Protein backbone atom coordinates (compact mmCIF):
# COMPACT_ATOMS: atom_id res chain seq x y z
CA UNK A 1 0.00 0.00 0.00
CA UNK A 2 1.42 3.36 -0.95
CA UNK A 3 1.52 6.38 1.37
CA UNK A 4 -1.26 8.22 -0.50
CA UNK A 5 -3.68 5.32 -0.09
CA UNK A 6 -2.66 4.94 3.55
CA UNK A 7 -3.35 8.63 4.15
CA UNK A 8 -6.79 8.33 2.54
CA UNK A 9 -7.71 5.32 4.68
CA UNK A 10 -6.57 7.17 7.79
CA UNK A 11 -8.70 10.17 6.85
CA UNK A 12 -11.75 7.96 6.29
CA UNK A 13 -11.24 6.24 9.66
CA UNK A 14 -10.88 9.58 11.46
CA UNK A 15 -14.01 10.91 9.74
CA UNK A 16 -15.99 7.84 10.80
CA UNK A 17 -14.77 8.20 14.39
CA UNK A 18 -15.77 11.88 14.42
CA UNK A 19 -19.29 11.01 13.23
CA UNK A 20 -19.55 8.28 15.87
CA UNK A 21 -18.52 10.73 18.63
CA UNK A 22 -21.14 13.25 17.44
CA UNK A 23 -23.81 10.54 17.41
CA UNK A 24 -22.86 9.53 20.97
CA UNK A 25 -23.19 13.14 22.18
CA UNK A 26 -26.56 13.46 20.48
CA UNK A 27 -27.76 10.21 22.10
CA UNK A 28 -26.83 11.61 25.53
CA UNK A 29 -28.79 14.77 24.72
CA UNK A 30 -31.76 12.74 23.50
CA UNK A 31 -31.88 10.86 26.81
CA UNK A 32 -31.64 14.08 28.83
CA UNK A 33 -34.48 15.57 26.77
CA UNK A 34 -36.64 12.48 27.32
CA UNK A 35 -36.31 12.97 31.08
CA UNK A 36 -37.87 16.40 30.48
CA UNK A 37 -40.70 15.02 28.37
CA UNK A 38 -39.24 16.15 25.04
CA UNK A 39 -39.05 13.58 22.25
CA UNK A 40 -36.10 13.70 19.88
CA UNK A 41 -35.36 11.49 16.91
CA UNK A 42 -31.75 10.54 16.20
CA UNK A 43 -30.97 10.78 12.52
CA UNK A 44 -28.24 8.57 11.12
CA UNK A 45 -27.85 10.54 7.91
CA UNK A 46 -26.26 13.52 9.63
CA UNK A 47 -25.85 12.82 12.46
CA UNK A 48 -28.48 15.08 13.94
CA UNK A 49 -31.26 15.12 16.50
CA UNK A 50 -34.68 16.12 15.20
CA UNK A 51 -37.05 17.62 17.74
CA UNK A 52 -40.63 18.22 16.68
CA UNK A 53 -42.42 21.02 18.48
CA UNK A 54 -45.67 20.33 20.29
CA UNK A 55 -47.20 23.44 18.75
CA UNK A 56 -47.32 23.86 14.98
CA UNK A 57 -44.03 25.11 13.64
CA UNK A 58 -40.76 24.09 12.14
CA UNK A 59 -38.91 21.24 13.83
CA UNK A 60 -35.59 21.94 15.52
CA UNK A 61 -32.48 20.26 14.16
CA UNK A 62 -29.66 19.88 16.67
CA UNK A 63 -26.10 19.16 15.56
CA UNK A 64 -22.76 18.81 17.28
CA UNK A 65 -20.52 21.50 15.90
CA UNK A 66 -17.44 23.57 16.52
CA UNK A 67 -15.16 20.54 16.61
CA UNK A 68 -17.47 18.66 18.96
CA UNK A 69 -17.51 21.43 21.55
CA UNK A 70 -21.12 22.60 21.18
CA UNK A 71 -24.64 21.45 20.48
CA UNK A 72 -26.00 23.92 17.96
CA UNK A 73 -29.41 24.67 16.49
CA UNK A 74 -31.28 27.44 14.68
CA UNK A 75 -28.65 27.64 11.92
CA UNK A 76 -25.92 27.63 14.61
CA UNK A 77 -27.23 30.92 15.99
CA UNK A 78 -28.02 29.09 19.24
CA UNK A 79 -25.55 26.78 20.94
CA UNK A 80 -24.67 25.22 24.27
CA UNK A 81 -21.47 23.47 25.42
CA UNK A 82 -21.58 19.75 24.66
CA UNK A 83 -19.89 19.09 28.00
CA UNK A 84 -23.06 20.27 29.77
CA UNK A 85 -25.65 17.78 28.50
CA UNK A 86 -28.20 18.52 31.24
CA UNK A 87 -27.91 22.27 30.71
CA UNK A 88 -28.27 21.86 26.96
CA UNK A 89 -31.37 19.71 27.46
CA UNK A 90 -32.88 22.33 29.76
CA UNK A 91 -32.25 25.15 27.28
CA UNK A 92 -33.56 23.10 24.35
CA UNK A 93 -36.66 21.96 26.23
CA UNK A 94 -37.52 25.56 26.97
CA UNK A 95 -36.70 26.58 23.37
CA UNK A 96 -38.97 24.00 21.72
CA UNK A 97 -41.83 24.66 24.13
CA UNK A 98 -41.84 28.44 23.65
PDB file of N, CA and C in Angstrom:
ATOM      1  N   UNK A   1       0.861  -1.165   0.000  1.00  0.00           N
ATOM      2  CA  UNK A   1       0.000   0.000   0.000  1.00  0.00           C
ATOM      3  C   UNK A   1       0.910   1.231   0.000  1.00  0.00           C
ATOM      4  N   UNK A   2       0.596   2.160  -0.891  1.00  0.00           N
ATOM      5  CA  UNK A   2       1.423   3.364  -0.951  1.00  0.00           C
ATOM      6  C   UNK A   2       0.982   4.377   0.104  1.00  0.00           C
ATOM      7  N   UNK A   3       1.786   5.408   0.304  1.00  0.00           N
ATOM      8  CA  UNK A   3       1.518   6.381   1.372  1.00  0.00           C
ATOM      9  C   UNK A   3       0.260   7.201   1.096  1.00  0.00           C
ATOM     10  N   UNK A   4      -0.046   7.450  -0.182  1.00  0.00           N
ATOM     11  CA  UNK A   4      -1.255   8.221  -0.504  1.00  0.00           C
ATOM     12  C   UNK A   4      -2.505   7.437  -0.121  1.00  0.00           C
ATOM     13  N   UNK A   5      -2.533   6.142  -0.441  1.00  0.00           N
ATOM     14  CA  UNK A   5      -3.679   5.317  -0.092  1.00  0.00           C
ATOM     15  C   UNK A   5      -3.787   5.185   1.426  1.00  0.00           C
ATOM     16  N   UNK A   6      -2.674   5.034   2.099  1.00  0.00           N
ATOM     17  CA  UNK A   6      -2.660   4.938   3.550  1.00  0.00           C
ATOM     18  C   UNK A   6      -3.219   6.212   4.177  1.00  0.00           C
ATOM     19  N   UNK A   7      -2.854   7.360   3.638  1.00  0.00           N
ATOM     20  CA  UNK A   7      -3.355   8.634   4.150  1.00  0.00           C
ATOM     21  C   UNK A   7      -4.856   8.746   3.941  1.00  0.00           C
ATOM     22  N   UNK A   8      -5.351   8.289   2.810  1.00  0.00           N
ATOM     23  CA  UNK A   8      -6.793   8.326   2.541  1.00  0.00           C
ATOM     24  C   UNK A   8      -7.562   7.434   3.508  1.00  0.00           C
ATOM     25  N   UNK A   9      -7.048   6.235   3.749  1.00  0.00           N
ATOM     26  CA  UNK A   9      -7.705   5.318   4.678  1.00  0.00           C
ATOM     27  C   UNK A   9      -7.719   5.890   6.091  1.00  0.00           C
ATOM     28  N   UNK A  10      -6.631   6.534   6.476  1.00  0.00           N
ATOM     29  CA  UNK A  10      -6.571   7.167   7.790  1.00  0.00           C
ATOM     30  C   UNK A  10      -7.608   8.280   7.893  1.00  0.00           C
ATOM     31  N   UNK A  11      -7.721   9.085   6.851  1.00  0.00           N
ATOM     32  CA  UNK A  11      -8.700  10.175   6.851  1.00  0.00           C
ATOM     33  C   UNK A  11     -10.125   9.637   6.946  1.00  0.00           C
ATOM     34  N   UNK A  12     -10.420   8.570   6.238  1.00  0.00           N
ATOM     35  CA  UNK A  12     -11.746   7.959   6.289  1.00  0.00           C
ATOM     36  C   UNK A  12     -12.028   7.441   7.696  1.00  0.00           C
ATOM     37  N   UNK A  13     -11.056   6.780   8.305  1.00  0.00           N
ATOM     38  CA  UNK A  13     -11.235   6.244   9.655  1.00  0.00           C
ATOM     39  C   UNK A  13     -11.457   7.365  10.660  1.00  0.00           C
ATOM     40  N   UNK A  14     -10.708   8.446  10.546  1.00  0.00           N
ATOM     41  CA  UNK A  14     -10.879   9.583  11.457  1.00  0.00           C
ATOM     42  C   UNK A  14     -12.243  10.236  11.265  1.00  0.00           C
ATOM     43  N   UNK A  15     -12.687  10.343  10.026  1.00  0.00           N
ATOM     44  CA  UNK A  15     -14.009  10.906   9.741  1.00  0.00           C
ATOM     45  C   UNK A  15     -15.113  10.053  10.341  1.00  0.00           C
ATOM     46  N   UNK A  16     -14.991   8.747  10.231  1.00  0.00           N
ATOM     47  CA  UNK A  16     -15.994   7.840  10.800  1.00  0.00           C
ATOM     48  C   UNK A  16     -16.006   7.942  12.321  1.00  0.00           C
ATOM     49  N   UNK A  17     -14.847   8.066  12.925  1.00  0.00           N
ATOM     50  CA  UNK A  17     -14.775   8.200  14.390  1.00  0.00           C
ATOM     51  C   UNK A  17     -15.410   9.506  14.843  1.00  0.00           C
ATOM     52  N   UNK A  18     -15.183  10.577  14.099  1.00  0.00           N
ATOM     53  CA  UNK A  18     -15.767  11.876  14.423  1.00  0.00           C
ATOM     54  C   UNK A  18     -17.296  11.799  14.372  1.00  0.00           C
ATOM     55  N   UNK A  19     -17.838  11.163  13.360  1.00  0.00           N
ATOM     56  CA  UNK A  19     -19.292  11.014  13.228  1.00  0.00           C
ATOM     57  C   UNK A  19     -19.838  10.174  14.385  1.00  0.00           C
ATOM     58  N   UNK A  20     -19.122   9.136  14.755  1.00  0.00           N
ATOM     59  CA  UNK A  20     -19.550   8.285  15.872  1.00  0.00           C
ATOM     60  C   UNK A  20     -19.566   9.077  17.185  1.00  0.00           C
ATOM     61  N   UNK A  21     -18.564   9.914  17.409  1.00  0.00           N
ATOM     62  CA  UNK A  21     -18.519  10.734  18.627  1.00  0.00           C
ATOM     63  C   UNK A  21     -19.681  11.728  18.655  1.00  0.00           C
ATOM     64  N   UNK A  22     -19.995  12.329  17.507  1.00  0.00           N
ATOM     65  CA  UNK A  22     -21.138  13.246  17.438  1.00  0.00           C
ATOM     66  C   UNK A  22     -22.434  12.506  17.743  1.00  0.00           C
ATOM     67  N   UNK A  23     -22.593  11.330  17.175  1.00  0.00           N
ATOM     68  CA  UNK A  23     -23.808  10.538  17.413  1.00  0.00           C
ATOM     69  C   UNK A  23     -23.938  10.176  18.892  1.00  0.00           C
ATOM     70  N   UNK A  24     -22.827   9.847  19.542  1.00  0.00           N
ATOM     71  CA  UNK A  24     -22.859   9.529  20.975  1.00  0.00           C
ATOM     72  C   UNK A  24     -23.308  10.739  21.792  1.00  0.00           C
ATOM     73  N   UNK A  25     -22.795  11.918  21.468  1.00  0.00           N
ATOM     74  CA  UNK A  25     -23.186  13.136  22.185  1.00  0.00           C
ATOM     75  C   UNK A  25     -24.667  13.445  21.968  1.00  0.00           C
ATOM     76  N   UNK A  26     -25.149  13.218  20.756  1.00  0.00           N
ATOM     77  CA  UNK A  26     -26.565  13.456  20.477  1.00  0.00           C
ATOM     78  C   UNK A  26     -27.451  12.455  21.210  1.00  0.00           C
ATOM     79  N   UNK A  27     -26.991  11.220  21.359  1.00  0.00           N
ATOM     80  CA  UNK A  27     -27.760  10.212  22.101  1.00  0.00           C
ATOM     81  C   UNK A  27     -27.865  10.603  23.577  1.00  0.00           C
ATOM     82  N   UNK A  28     -26.786  11.131  24.144  1.00  0.00           N
ATOM     83  CA  UNK A  28     -26.834  11.611  25.530  1.00  0.00           C
ATOM     84  C   UNK A  28     -27.841  12.747  25.669  1.00  0.00           C
ATOM     85  N   UNK A  29     -27.844  13.655  24.698  1.00  0.00           N
ATOM     86  CA  UNK A  29     -28.787  14.770  24.722  1.00  0.00           C
ATOM     87  C   UNK A  29     -30.217  14.263  24.567  1.00  0.00           C
ATOM     88  N   UNK A  30     -30.429  13.312  23.687  1.00  0.00           N
ATOM     89  CA  UNK A  30     -31.762  12.744  23.496  1.00  0.00           C
ATOM     90  C   UNK A  30     -32.296  12.167  24.802  1.00  0.00           C
ATOM     91  N   UNK A  31     -31.467  11.436  25.541  1.00  0.00           N
ATOM     92  CA  UNK A  31     -31.883  10.857  26.814  1.00  0.00           C
ATOM     93  C   UNK A  31     -32.204  11.940  27.839  1.00  0.00           C
ATOM     94  N   UNK A  32     -31.392  12.978  27.887  1.00  0.00           N
ATOM     95  CA  UNK A  32     -31.638  14.081  28.826  1.00  0.00           C
ATOM     96  C   UNK A  32     -32.934  14.804  28.476  1.00  0.00           C
ATOM     97  N   UNK A  33     -33.224  14.942  27.197  1.00  0.00           N
ATOM     98  CA  UNK A  33     -34.481  15.575  26.773  1.00  0.00           C
ATOM     99  C   UNK A  33     -35.682  14.703  27.137  1.00  0.00           C
ATOM    100  N   UNK A  34     -35.542  13.402  26.967  1.00  0.00           N
ATOM    101  CA  UNK A  34     -36.640  12.480  27.318  1.00  0.00           C
ATOM    102  C   UNK A  34     -37.020  12.600  28.788  1.00  0.00           C
ATOM    103  N   UNK A  35     -36.027  12.798  29.650  1.00  0.00           N
ATOM    104  CA  UNK A  35     -36.307  12.969  31.078  1.00  0.00           C
ATOM    105  C   UNK A  35     -37.107  14.248  31.339  1.00  0.00           C
ATOM    106  N   UNK A  36     -37.108  15.149  30.377  1.00  0.00           N
ATOM    107  CA  UNK A  36     -37.867  16.398  30.483  1.00  0.00           C
ATOM    108  C   UNK A  36     -39.156  16.351  29.662  1.00  0.00           C
ATOM    109  N   UNK A  37     -39.474  15.183  29.126  1.00  0.00           N
ATOM    110  CA  UNK A  37     -40.703  15.017  28.369  1.00  0.00           C
ATOM    111  C   UNK A  37     -40.631  15.498  26.938  1.00  0.00           C
ATOM    112  N   UNK A  38     -39.424  15.686  26.418  1.00  0.00           N
ATOM    113  CA  UNK A  38     -39.241  16.155  25.041  1.00  0.00           C
ATOM    114  C   UNK A  38     -38.703  15.001  24.204  1.00  0.00           C
ATOM    115  N   UNK A  39     -39.439  14.669  23.149  1.00  0.00           N
ATOM    116  CA  UNK A  39     -39.050  13.585  22.251  1.00  0.00           C
ATOM    117  C   UNK A  39     -38.098  14.107  21.181  1.00  0.00           C
ATOM    118  N   UNK A  40     -37.030  13.384  20.954  1.00  0.00           N
ATOM    119  CA  UNK A  40     -36.097  13.700  19.882  1.00  0.00           C
ATOM    120  C   UNK A  40     -35.822  12.455  19.077  1.00  0.00           C
ATOM    121  N   UNK A  41     -35.613  12.620  17.803  1.00  0.00           N
ATOM    122  CA  UNK A  41     -35.361  11.487  16.907  1.00  0.00           C
ATOM    123  C   UNK A  41     -33.934  11.578  16.381  1.00  0.00           C
ATOM    124  N   UNK A  42     -33.117  10.572  16.718  1.00  0.00           N
ATOM    125  CA  UNK A  42     -31.751  10.540  16.201  1.00  0.00           C
ATOM    126  C   UNK A  42     -31.772  10.216  14.720  1.00  0.00           C
ATOM    127  N   UNK A  43     -31.066  10.999  13.964  1.00  0.00           N
ATOM    128  CA  UNK A  43     -30.969  10.782  12.521  1.00  0.00           C
ATOM    129  C   UNK A  43     -29.590  10.229  12.213  1.00  0.00           C
ATOM    130  N   UNK A  44     -29.526   9.183  11.451  1.00  0.00           N
ATOM    131  CA  UNK A  44     -28.238   8.572  11.123  1.00  0.00           C
ATOM    132  C   UNK A  44     -27.616   9.187   9.879  1.00  0.00           C
ATOM    133  N   UNK A  45     -28.371   9.973   9.160  1.00  0.00           N
ATOM    134  CA  UNK A  45     -27.855  10.541   7.913  1.00  0.00           C
ATOM    135  C   UNK A  45     -27.157  11.862   8.123  1.00  0.00           C
ATOM    136  N   UNK A  46     -26.816  12.201   9.347  1.00  0.00           N
ATOM    137  CA  UNK A  46     -26.260  13.523   9.628  1.00  0.00           C
ATOM    138  C   UNK A  46     -24.921  13.516  10.300  1.00  0.00           C
ATOM    139  N   UNK A  47     -24.786  13.129  11.504  1.00  0.00           N
ATOM    140  CA  UNK A  47     -25.846  12.824  12.457  1.00  0.00           C
ATOM    141  C   UNK A  47     -26.496  14.090  13.001  1.00  0.00           C
ATOM    142  N   UNK A  48     -27.722  13.959  13.395  1.00  0.00           N
ATOM    143  CA  UNK A  48     -28.482  15.082  13.935  1.00  0.00           C
ATOM    144  C   UNK A  48     -29.582  14.545  14.838  1.00  0.00           C
ATOM    145  N   UNK A  49     -30.124  15.439  15.658  1.00  0.00           N
ATOM    146  CA  UNK A  49     -31.262  15.124  16.502  1.00  0.00           C
ATOM    147  C   UNK A  49     -32.402  16.017  16.045  1.00  0.00           C
ATOM    148  N   UNK A  50     -33.503  15.403  15.669  1.00  0.00           N
ATOM    149  CA  UNK A  50     -34.676  16.124  15.196  1.00  0.00           C
ATOM    150  C   UNK A  50     -35.689  16.197  16.327  1.00  0.00           C
ATOM    151  N   UNK A  51     -36.068  17.419  16.682  1.00  0.00           N
ATOM    152  CA  UNK A  51     -37.052  17.622  17.741  1.00  0.00           C
ATOM    153  C   UNK A  51     -38.261  18.307  17.127  1.00  0.00           C
ATOM    154  N   UNK A  52     -39.393  17.634  17.196  1.00  0.00           N
ATOM    155  CA  UNK A  52     -40.634  18.220  16.682  1.00  0.00           C
ATOM    156  C   UNK A  52     -41.301  18.997  17.807  1.00  0.00           C
ATOM    157  N   UNK A  53     -41.747  20.189  17.481  1.00  0.00           N
ATOM    158  CA  UNK A  53     -42.415  21.023  18.479  1.00  0.00           C
ATOM    159  C   UNK A  53     -43.814  20.497  18.752  1.00  0.00           C
ATOM    160  N   UNK A  54     -44.303  20.737  19.953  1.00  0.00           N
ATOM    161  CA  UNK A  54     -45.673  20.325  20.289  1.00  0.00           C
ATOM    162  C   UNK A  54     -46.678  21.216  19.575  1.00  0.00           C
ATOM    163  N   UNK A  55     -46.363  22.487  19.465  1.00  0.00           N
ATOM    164  CA  UNK A  55     -47.203  23.443  18.745  1.00  0.00           C
ATOM    165  C   UNK A  55     -46.813  23.383  17.273  1.00  0.00           C
ATOM    166  N   UNK A  56     -47.692  23.807  16.392  1.00  0.00           N
ATOM    167  CA  UNK A  56     -47.316  23.859  14.981  1.00  0.00           C
ATOM    168  C   UNK A  56     -46.095  24.762  14.786  1.00  0.00           C
ATOM    169  N   UNK A  57     -45.229  24.343  13.920  1.00  0.00           N
ATOM    170  CA  UNK A  57     -44.030  25.109  13.642  1.00  0.00           C
ATOM    171  C   UNK A  57     -42.952  24.206  13.083  1.00  0.00           C
ATOM    172  N   UNK A  58     -41.882  24.826  12.714  1.00  0.00           N
ATOM    173  CA  UNK A  58     -40.759  24.087  12.143  1.00  0.00           C
ATOM    174  C   UNK A  58     -40.077  23.248  13.220  1.00  0.00           C
ATOM    175  N   UNK A  59     -39.649  22.043  12.864  1.00  0.00           N
ATOM    176  CA  UNK A  59     -38.905  21.238  13.830  1.00  0.00           C
ATOM    177  C   UNK A  59     -37.534  21.871  14.090  1.00  0.00           C
ATOM    178  N   UNK A  60     -36.916  21.448  15.156  1.00  0.00           N
ATOM    179  CA  UNK A  60     -35.590  21.944  15.517  1.00  0.00           C
ATOM    180  C   UNK A  60     -34.585  20.838  15.228  1.00  0.00           C
ATOM    181  N   UNK A  61     -33.567  21.182  14.464  1.00  0.00           N
ATOM    182  CA  UNK A  61     -32.483  20.258  14.161  1.00  0.00           C
ATOM    183  C   UNK A  61     -31.303  20.624  15.041  1.00  0.00           C
ATOM    184  N   UNK A  62     -30.799  19.657  15.791  1.00  0.00           N
ATOM    185  CA  UNK A  62     -29.658  19.877  16.671  1.00  0.00           C
ATOM    186  C   UNK A  62     -28.473  19.086  16.126  1.00  0.00           C
ATOM    187  N   UNK A  63     -27.343  19.763  16.047  1.00  0.00           N
ATOM    188  CA  UNK A  63     -26.105  19.159  15.560  1.00  0.00           C
ATOM    189  C   UNK A  63     -25.022  19.348  16.604  1.00  0.00           C
ATOM    190  N   UNK A  64     -23.967  18.575  16.489  1.00  0.00           N
ATOM    191  CA  UNK A  64     -22.764  18.807  17.280  1.00  0.00           C
ATOM    192  C   UNK A  64     -21.802  19.528  16.350  1.00  0.00           C
ATOM    193  N   UNK A  65     -21.379  20.704  16.764  1.00  0.00           N
ATOM    194  CA  UNK A  65     -20.515  21.497  15.902  1.00  0.00           C
ATOM    195  C   UNK A  65     -19.321  22.056  16.642  1.00  0.00           C
ATOM    196  N   UNK A  66     -18.611  22.901  15.956  1.00  0.00           N
ATOM    197  CA  UNK A  66     -17.439  23.572  16.521  1.00  0.00           C
ATOM    198  C   UNK A  66     -16.434  22.560  17.061  1.00  0.00           C
ATOM    199  N   UNK A  67     -16.144  21.552  16.230  1.00  0.00           N
ATOM    200  CA  UNK A  67     -15.161  20.543  16.606  1.00  0.00           C
ATOM    201  C   UNK A  67     -15.610  19.643  17.745  1.00  0.00           C
ATOM    202  N   UNK A  68     -16.924  19.498  17.915  1.00  0.00           N
ATOM    203  CA  UNK A  68     -17.466  18.656  18.962  1.00  0.00           C
ATOM    204  C   UNK A  68     -17.681  19.375  20.278  1.00  0.00           C
ATOM    205  N   UNK A  69     -17.439  20.669  20.307  1.00  0.00           N
ATOM    206  CA  UNK A  69     -17.512  21.432  21.553  1.00  0.00           C
ATOM    207  C   UNK A  69     -18.918  21.890  21.909  1.00  0.00           C
ATOM    208  N   UNK A  70     -19.800  22.019  20.927  1.00  0.00           N
ATOM    209  CA  UNK A  70     -21.122  22.595  21.177  1.00  0.00           C
ATOM    210  C   UNK A  70     -22.229  21.803  20.500  1.00  0.00           C
ATOM    211  N   UNK A  71     -23.399  21.796  21.157  1.00  0.00           N
ATOM    212  CA  UNK A  71     -24.643  21.454  20.484  1.00  0.00           C
ATOM    213  C   UNK A  71     -25.086  22.757  19.836  1.00  0.00           C
ATOM    214  N   UNK A  72     -25.535  22.699  18.612  1.00  0.00           N
ATOM    215  CA  UNK A  72     -25.996  23.924  17.964  1.00  0.00           C
ATOM    216  C   UNK A  72     -27.308  23.672  17.242  1.00  0.00           C
ATOM    217  N   UNK A  73     -28.115  24.729  17.158  1.00  0.00           N
ATOM    218  CA  UNK A  73     -29.412  24.674  16.486  1.00  0.00           C
ATOM    219  C   UNK A  73     -29.743  26.066  15.996  1.00  0.00           C
ATOM    220  N   UNK A  74     -30.838  26.187  15.286  1.00  0.00           N
ATOM    221  CA  UNK A  74     -31.277  27.443  14.678  1.00  0.00           C
ATOM    222  C   UNK A  74     -30.148  28.032  13.828  1.00  0.00           C
ATOM    223  N   UNK A  75     -29.723  27.242  12.843  1.00  0.00           N
ATOM    224  CA  UNK A  75     -28.652  27.638  11.923  1.00  0.00           C
ATOM    225  C   UNK A  75     -27.390  28.054  12.665  1.00  0.00           C
ATOM    226  N   UNK A  76     -27.095  27.385  13.758  1.00  0.00           N
ATOM    227  CA  UNK A  76     -25.923  27.625  14.612  1.00  0.00           C
ATOM    228  C   UNK A  76     -25.945  28.992  15.287  1.00  0.00           C
ATOM    229  N   UNK A  77     -27.108  29.666  15.264  1.00  0.00           N
ATOM    230  CA  UNK A  77     -27.226  30.923  15.993  1.00  0.00           C
ATOM    231  C   UNK A  77     -27.371  30.653  17.488  1.00  0.00           C
ATOM    232  N   UNK A  78     -27.881  29.481  17.844  1.00  0.00           N
ATOM    233  CA  UNK A  78     -28.023  29.085  19.241  1.00  0.00           C
ATOM    234  C   UNK A  78     -27.086  27.904  19.473  1.00  0.00           C
ATOM    235  N   UNK A  79     -26.431  27.902  20.610  1.00  0.00           N
ATOM    236  CA  UNK A  79     -25.553  26.776  20.936  1.00  0.00           C
ATOM    237  C   UNK A  79     -25.358  26.686  22.440  1.00  0.00           C
ATOM    238  N   UNK A  80     -24.910  25.492  22.856  1.00  0.00           N
ATOM    239  CA  UNK A  80     -24.668  25.224  24.268  1.00  0.00           C
ATOM    240  C   UNK A  80     -23.503  24.240  24.348  1.00  0.00           C
ATOM    241  N   UNK A  81     -22.617  24.390  25.325  1.00  0.00           N
ATOM    242  CA  UNK A  81     -21.471  23.473  25.423  1.00  0.00           C
ATOM    243  C   UNK A  81     -21.892  22.008  25.499  1.00  0.00           C
ATOM    244  N   UNK A  82     -21.259  21.180  24.694  1.00  0.00           N
ATOM    245  CA  UNK A  82     -21.577  19.749  24.664  1.00  0.00           C
ATOM    246  C   UNK A  82     -21.176  19.060  25.962  1.00  0.00           C
ATOM    247  N   UNK A  83     -20.287  19.660  26.724  1.00  0.00           N
ATOM    248  CA  UNK A  83     -19.891  19.094  27.999  1.00  0.00           C
ATOM    249  C   UNK A  83     -20.940  19.255  29.088  1.00  0.00           C
ATOM    250  N   UNK A  84     -21.973  20.040  28.821  1.00  0.00           N
ATOM    251  CA  UNK A  84     -23.063  20.270  29.769  1.00  0.00           C
ATOM    252  C   UNK A  84     -24.365  19.751  29.166  1.00  0.00           C
ATOM    253  N   UNK A  85     -24.498  18.426  29.136  1.00  0.00           N
ATOM    254  CA  UNK A  85     -25.652  17.784  28.501  1.00  0.00           C
ATOM    255  C   UNK A  85     -26.949  18.197  29.187  1.00  0.00           C
ATOM    256  N   UNK A  86     -26.969  18.178  30.515  1.00  0.00           N
ATOM    257  CA  UNK A  86     -28.203  18.518  31.237  1.00  0.00           C
ATOM    258  C   UNK A  86     -28.595  19.975  30.997  1.00  0.00           C
ATOM    259  N   UNK A  87     -27.624  20.860  30.987  1.00  0.00           N
ATOM    260  CA  UNK A  87     -27.906  22.269  30.712  1.00  0.00           C
ATOM    261  C   UNK A  87     -28.417  22.469  29.293  1.00  0.00           C
ATOM    262  N   UNK A  88     -27.819  21.766  28.351  1.00  0.00           N
ATOM    263  CA  UNK A  88     -28.271  21.856  26.955  1.00  0.00           C
ATOM    264  C   UNK A  88     -29.697  21.349  26.824  1.00  0.00           C
ATOM    265  N   UNK A  89     -30.016  20.256  27.512  1.00  0.00           N
ATOM    266  CA  UNK A  89     -31.374  19.708  27.459  1.00  0.00           C
ATOM    267  C   UNK A  89     -32.370  20.704  28.048  1.00  0.00           C
ATOM    268  N   UNK A  90     -31.994  21.349  29.126  1.00  0.00           N
ATOM    269  CA  UNK A  90     -32.878  22.328  29.759  1.00  0.00           C
ATOM    270  C   UNK A  90     -33.151  23.505  28.819  1.00  0.00           C
ATOM    271  N   UNK A  91     -32.096  24.023  28.205  1.00  0.00           N
ATOM    272  CA  UNK A  91     -32.247  25.152  27.278  1.00  0.00           C
ATOM    273  C   UNK A  91     -33.087  24.745  26.072  1.00  0.00           C
ATOM    274  N   UNK A  92     -32.807  23.567  25.519  1.00  0.00           N
ATOM    275  CA  UNK A  92     -33.561  23.105  24.352  1.00  0.00           C
ATOM    276  C   UNK A  92     -35.014  22.819  24.680  1.00  0.00           C
ATOM    277  N   UNK A  93     -35.281  22.226  25.835  1.00  0.00           N
ATOM    278  CA  UNK A  93     -36.664  21.956  26.230  1.00  0.00           C
ATOM    279  C   UNK A  93     -37.447  23.261  26.304  1.00  0.00           C
ATOM    280  N   UNK A  94     -36.856  24.254  26.886  1.00  0.00           N
ATOM    281  CA  UNK A  94     -37.521  25.565  26.966  1.00  0.00           C
ATOM    282  C   UNK A  94     -37.697  26.171  25.566  1.00  0.00           C
ATOM    283  N   UNK A  95     -36.674  26.024  24.726  1.00  0.00           N
ATOM    284  CA  UNK A  95     -36.704  26.583  23.374  1.00  0.00           C
ATOM    285  C   UNK A  95     -37.820  25.973  22.532  1.00  0.00           C
ATOM    286  N   UNK A  96     -37.977  24.657  22.571  1.00  0.00           N
ATOM    287  CA  UNK A  96     -38.972  24.000  21.721  1.00  0.00           C
ATOM    288  C   UNK A  96     -40.388  24.171  22.267  1.00  0.00           C
ATOM    289  N   UNK A  97     -40.515  24.489  23.549  1.00  0.00           N
ATOM    290  CA  UNK A  97     -41.834  24.660  24.134  1.00  0.00           C
ATOM    291  C   UNK A  97     -42.306  26.121  24.101  1.00  0.00           C
ATOM    292  N   UNK A  98     -41.430  27.012  23.694  1.00  0.00           N
ATOM    293  CA  UNK A  98     -41.843  28.435  23.646  1.00  0.00           C
ATOM    294  C   UNK A  98     -42.339  28.827  22.278  1.00  0.00           C
TER     295      UNK A  98
END
